[in-house]
Protein backbone atom coordinates (compact mmCIF):
# COMPACT_ATOMS: atom_id res chain seq x y z
CA ALA A 1 13.64 20.32 39.97
CA CYS A 2 10.45 22.14 38.94
CA GLN A 3 11.76 22.54 35.43
CA GLU A 4 12.40 18.79 35.19
CA VAL A 5 8.84 18.07 36.33
CA GLU A 6 7.46 20.49 33.73
CA THR A 7 9.61 18.93 31.03
CA LEU A 8 8.45 15.44 32.01
CA THR A 9 4.83 16.61 32.07
CA LYS A 10 5.16 18.08 28.57
CA ASP A 11 6.79 14.86 27.36
CA ILE A 12 3.96 12.82 28.84
CA GLN A 13 1.35 15.08 27.21
CA ASN A 14 3.11 14.85 23.85
CA THR A 15 3.33 11.08 24.16
CA LYS A 16 -0.38 10.85 25.02
CA LYS A 17 -1.26 13.05 22.04
CA THR A 18 0.84 10.92 19.70
CA ALA A 19 -0.64 7.73 21.13
CA GLU A 20 -4.19 9.05 20.61
CA GLN A 21 -3.37 9.97 17.01
CA ASN A 22 -1.91 6.52 16.42
CA LEU A 23 -4.98 4.92 17.99
CA ASP A 24 -7.31 6.92 15.73
CA LEU A 25 -5.26 5.95 12.69
CA LEU A 26 -5.29 2.28 13.66
CA LYS A 27 -9.05 2.36 14.25
CA ALA A 28 -9.57 3.83 10.79
CA LEU A 29 -7.32 1.19 9.27
CA MET A 30 -9.20 -1.57 11.08
CA GLU A 31 -12.52 -0.24 9.82
CA GLU A 32 -11.17 -0.03 6.27
CA THR A 33 -9.80 -3.57 6.56
CA GLU A 34 -13.14 -4.91 7.81
CA ILE A 35 -14.95 -3.27 4.89
CA ARG A 36 -12.45 -4.74 2.42
CA GLN A 37 -12.76 -8.14 4.07
CA ALA A 38 -16.54 -8.06 3.64
CA GLU A 39 -16.10 -7.11 -0.04
CA VAL A 40 -13.69 -9.99 -0.61
CA LYS A 41 -16.02 -12.46 1.14
CA ARG A 42 -18.93 -11.29 -1.01
CA ALA A 43 -16.84 -11.57 -4.18
CA ALA A 44 -15.70 -15.06 -3.23
CA TYR A 45 -19.29 -16.11 -2.54
CA GLU A 46 -20.45 -14.72 -5.89
CA PHE A 47 -17.57 -16.41 -7.70
CA ARG A 48 -18.41 -19.76 -6.11
CA ARG A 49 -22.09 -19.31 -6.88
CA ASP A 50 -21.69 -18.10 -10.46
CA ILE A 51 -18.59 -19.92 -11.64
CA VAL A 52 -17.67 -22.89 -9.49
CA VAL A 53 -21.24 -24.18 -9.25
CA GLY A 54 -23.10 -22.30 -11.97
CA ALA A 55 -20.61 -22.73 -14.79
CA GLU A 56 -20.04 -26.44 -14.30
CA ASN A 57 -20.72 -28.59 -17.31
CA PRO A 58 -23.26 -31.18 -16.14
CA ARG A 59 -21.91 -33.85 -18.45
CA THR A 60 -18.17 -33.53 -17.75
CA GLY A 61 -18.21 -31.85 -14.34
CA LYS A 62 -15.61 -29.31 -15.52
CA THR A 63 -15.96 -25.56 -15.27
CA MET A 64 -16.65 -23.85 -18.59
CA ALA A 65 -13.70 -21.61 -19.47
CA GLU A 66 -15.83 -19.10 -21.37
CA LYS A 67 -17.88 -18.31 -18.29
CA VAL A 68 -14.77 -17.95 -16.15
CA LEU A 69 -13.21 -15.54 -18.63
CA LYS A 70 -16.42 -13.54 -18.96
CA TYR A 71 -16.72 -13.31 -15.18
CA LEU A 72 -13.11 -12.11 -14.81
CA GLU A 73 -13.51 -9.57 -17.61
CA ASP A 74 -16.70 -8.24 -16.05
CA GLU A 75 -14.99 -7.93 -12.66
CA LEU A 76 -12.05 -6.08 -14.14
CA THR A 77 -14.25 -3.63 -16.03
CA THR A 78 -16.31 -2.82 -12.95
CA LYS A 79 -13.22 -1.87 -10.92
């Protein structure tokens, strides 16, 4: 009976240790995801500001393709 209690206690301790490791990993992933989310929001804001609004032809109301391509090329070279 004592051996069963010790075995169960060890199992509980191992489970707690694994759960704590999983929790730490998930917290790190959440933090990384929040950072990435902020980066994507900033990039979307800059794209809207620079391309959707800033590259619009005042006469036709269409977005100028050259500015879109330049923006995308600049983004790709910075990454």
